[in-house]
Amino acid sequence: MKPTNYSESNRAKASFDTAYTASTPHQYLSQMAAVDYSMAKQMNPFLCAAVDASSDDAPSLRVLDIGCSYGMSSALLKSDYKFDDLIDFYESDASEQYTECVKETRHFLRKHRTREGVKVVGFDQSRPPGFRRHLGGSRSGSGRHGQAAPF
């Protein structure tokens, strides 16, 4: 078996480094749309079904979102929006200025909030925790410290 050169094998791999350090989700969602990212679309119905089945037994429920970056899974879980709705919102309606973006995003998400008893704990090493925290949709912990603060 021929040894693989890691650098050569990953040369064509997309880099999202700058998307994970931006203060708002615009660049992240733009890059995800460009590569036809579908994990959130495919995962969300299963996550929602599991949460809905679990919430019959408990008035409130905590969900750990590992790799939460901008809190998009939290937004999808707590609303009836689809991933494409989030992409459309950030492409056409949300300001790229941080404070305005947070305010507009809060308003956007409140219009379709469906799971009030769900609290999401975000766990990620990327820079966007401030955005998640200011939205109030997902508290965040740092992977470096191995802790997540509950919402």
Protein backbone atom coordinates (compact mmCIF):
# COMPACT_ATOMS: atom_id res chain seq x y z
CA MET A 1 0.00 0.00 0.00
CA LYS A 2 1.39 3.37 -1.03
CA PRO A 3 1.76 5.94 1.81
CA THR A 4 -0.51 8.96 1.52
CA ASN A 5 0.82 12.50 1.56
CA TYR A 6 -1.62 14.31 3.89
CA SER A 7 -0.98 17.80 2.46
CA GLU A 8 -1.43 16.60 -1.10
CA SER A 9 -4.58 14.63 -0.30
CA ASN A 10 -6.21 17.62 1.37
CA ARG A 11 -5.14 20.30 -1.13
CA ALA A 12 -8.60 20.47 -2.70
CA LYS A 13 -10.39 20.46 0.64
CA ALA A 14 -12.36 23.65 1.35
CA SER A 15 -11.16 25.85 4.20
CA PHE A 16 -13.71 27.55 6.42
CA ASP A 17 -11.23 29.10 8.84
CA THR A 18 -12.29 32.69 8.17
CA ALA A 19 -15.98 31.78 8.34
CA TYR A 20 -15.49 30.59 11.91
CA THR A 21 -13.82 33.81 13.05
CA ALA A 22 -16.25 36.36 11.61
CA SER A 23 -18.45 38.23 14.09
CA THR A 24 -21.71 37.37 12.28
CA PRO A 25 -22.87 34.22 10.44
CA HIS A 26 -22.99 35.82 6.97
CA GLN A 27 -19.73 34.42 5.66
CA TYR A 28 -20.26 31.05 7.34
CA LEU A 29 -23.69 30.57 5.75
CA SER A 30 -22.51 31.86 2.39
CA GLN A 31 -19.66 29.36 2.33
CA MET A 32 -21.92 26.53 3.50
CA ALA A 33 -24.42 27.33 0.73
CA ALA A 34 -21.62 27.45 -1.86
CA VAL A 35 -20.64 23.84 -1.09
CA ASP A 36 -24.28 22.69 -0.77
CA TYR A 37 -23.87 21.94 2.94
CA SER A 38 -26.69 19.65 3.97
CA MET A 39 -25.88 18.27 7.42
CA ALA A 40 -28.23 20.70 9.18
CA LYS A 41 -31.02 19.96 6.70
CA GLN A 42 -30.66 16.22 7.11
CA MET A 43 -30.02 16.14 10.85
CA ASN A 44 -32.67 18.59 12.05
CA PRO A 45 -35.80 16.42 11.49
CA PHE A 46 -34.23 13.63 13.58
CA LEU A 47 -33.09 16.01 16.32
CA CYS A 48 -36.52 17.66 16.45
CA ALA A 49 -38.25 14.27 16.64
CA ALA A 50 -35.98 13.15 19.49
CA VAL A 51 -36.54 16.42 21.38
CA ASP A 52 -40.31 16.33 20.82
CA ALA A 53 -40.51 12.71 22.03
CA SER A 54 -38.40 13.57 25.10
CA SER A 55 -40.30 16.74 25.96
CA ASP A 56 -43.50 14.75 26.56
CA ASP A 57 -41.90 13.55 29.78
CA ALA A 58 -40.20 16.79 30.87
CA PRO A 59 -41.31 20.44 30.91
CA SER A 60 -37.81 21.56 30.02
CA LEU A 61 -35.04 19.83 28.17
CA ARG A 62 -31.33 20.53 27.71
CA VAL A 63 -29.56 19.70 24.47
CA LEU A 64 -25.78 19.71 23.99
CA ASP A 65 -24.80 21.11 20.59
CA ILE A 66 -21.21 20.04 19.91
CA GLY A 67 -19.52 22.14 17.24
CA CYS A 68 -22.24 24.77 17.44
CA SER A 69 -20.31 27.69 15.86
CA TYR A 70 -23.01 30.36 15.28
CA GLY A 71 -25.85 28.40 16.91
CA MET A 72 -27.65 27.51 13.68
CA SER A 73 -28.72 24.06 14.95
CA SER A 74 -30.12 25.74 18.05
CA ALA A 75 -32.07 28.18 15.90
CA LEU A 76 -33.46 25.34 13.79
CA LEU A 77 -34.32 23.24 16.82
CA LYS A 78 -36.16 26.05 18.59
CA SER A 79 -38.11 27.27 15.55
CA ASP A 80 -39.95 25.99 12.51
CA TYR A 81 -37.39 27.50 10.16
CA LYS A 82 -35.40 25.44 7.68
CA PHE A 83 -31.66 25.89 7.04
CA ASP A 84 -32.42 27.59 3.71
CA ASP A 85 -34.60 30.13 5.58
CA LEU A 86 -31.57 31.07 7.68
CA ILE A 87 -29.39 31.40 4.57
CA ASP A 88 -32.03 33.60 2.89
CA PHE A 89 -32.38 35.78 5.99
CA TYR A 90 -28.64 36.45 6.26
CA GLU A 91 -28.27 36.99 2.50
CA SER A 92 -31.09 39.50 2.19
CA ASP A 93 -32.33 40.86 5.53
CA ALA A 94 -29.67 40.77 8.25
CA SER A 95 -27.16 43.55 8.65
CA GLU A 96 -23.49 42.59 8.60
CA GLN A 97 -22.90 45.05 11.45
CA TYR A 98 -22.67 42.97 14.65
CA THR A 99 -25.08 44.81 16.97
CA GLU A 100 -27.73 45.24 14.29
CA CYS A 101 -27.33 41.64 13.16
CA VAL A 102 -27.92 40.35 16.70
CA LYS A 103 -31.02 42.54 17.07
CA GLU A 104 -32.44 41.54 13.68
CA THR A 105 -31.68 37.86 14.27
CA ARG A 106 -33.46 37.90 17.64
CA HIS A 107 -36.52 39.42 16.02
CA PHE A 108 -36.41 36.94 13.13
CA LEU A 109 -36.13 33.90 15.42
CA ARG A 110 -38.86 35.05 17.82
CA LYS A 111 -41.38 35.15 14.97
CA HIS A 112 -41.27 31.36 14.63
CA ARG A 113 -40.21 30.09 18.05
CA THR A 114 -41.84 26.71 18.67
CA ARG A 115 -39.97 24.89 21.43
CA GLU A 116 -39.95 27.19 24.48
CA GLY A 117 -38.83 24.53 26.97
CA VAL A 118 -35.69 23.58 25.07
CA LYS A 119 -32.40 24.96 26.36
CA VAL A 120 -29.29 24.50 24.25
CA VAL A 121 -25.74 24.29 25.54
CA GLY A 122 -23.23 25.11 22.82
CA PHE A 123 -19.76 23.57 22.91
CA ASP A 124 -17.23 24.86 20.38
CA GLN A 125 -13.72 26.26 20.11
CA SER A 126 -14.49 28.68 17.30
CA ARG A 127 -14.78 32.43 17.84
CA PRO A 128 -18.56 32.95 17.39
CA PRO A 129 -19.62 32.25 21.00
CA GLY A 130 -20.28 35.97 21.45
CA PHE A 131 -22.88 35.89 18.70
CA ARG A 132 -24.64 32.84 20.20
CA ARG A 133 -24.52 34.31 23.70
CA HIS A 134 -25.93 37.68 22.62
CA LEU A 135 -28.79 35.97 20.82
CA GLY A 136 -29.73 34.14 23.98
CA GLY A 137 -30.37 30.97 22.01
CA SER A 138 -27.35 28.99 23.08
CA ARG A 139 -24.94 29.39 25.92
CA SER A 140 -21.46 28.36 25.09
CA GLY A 141 -18.51 26.63 26.59
CA SER A 142 -15.02 26.43 25.31
CA GLY A 143 -13.60 23.17 24.09
CA ARG A 144 -10.26 24.27 25.49
CA HIS A 145 -11.68 24.19 29.01
CA GLY A 146 -14.00 21.26 28.49
CA GLN A 147 -16.97 23.02 30.08
CA ALA A 148 -20.23 24.36 28.78
CA ALA A 149 -22.45 26.80 30.63
CA PRO A 150 -26.13 25.78 30.68
CA PHE A 151 -28.74 28.01 29.06
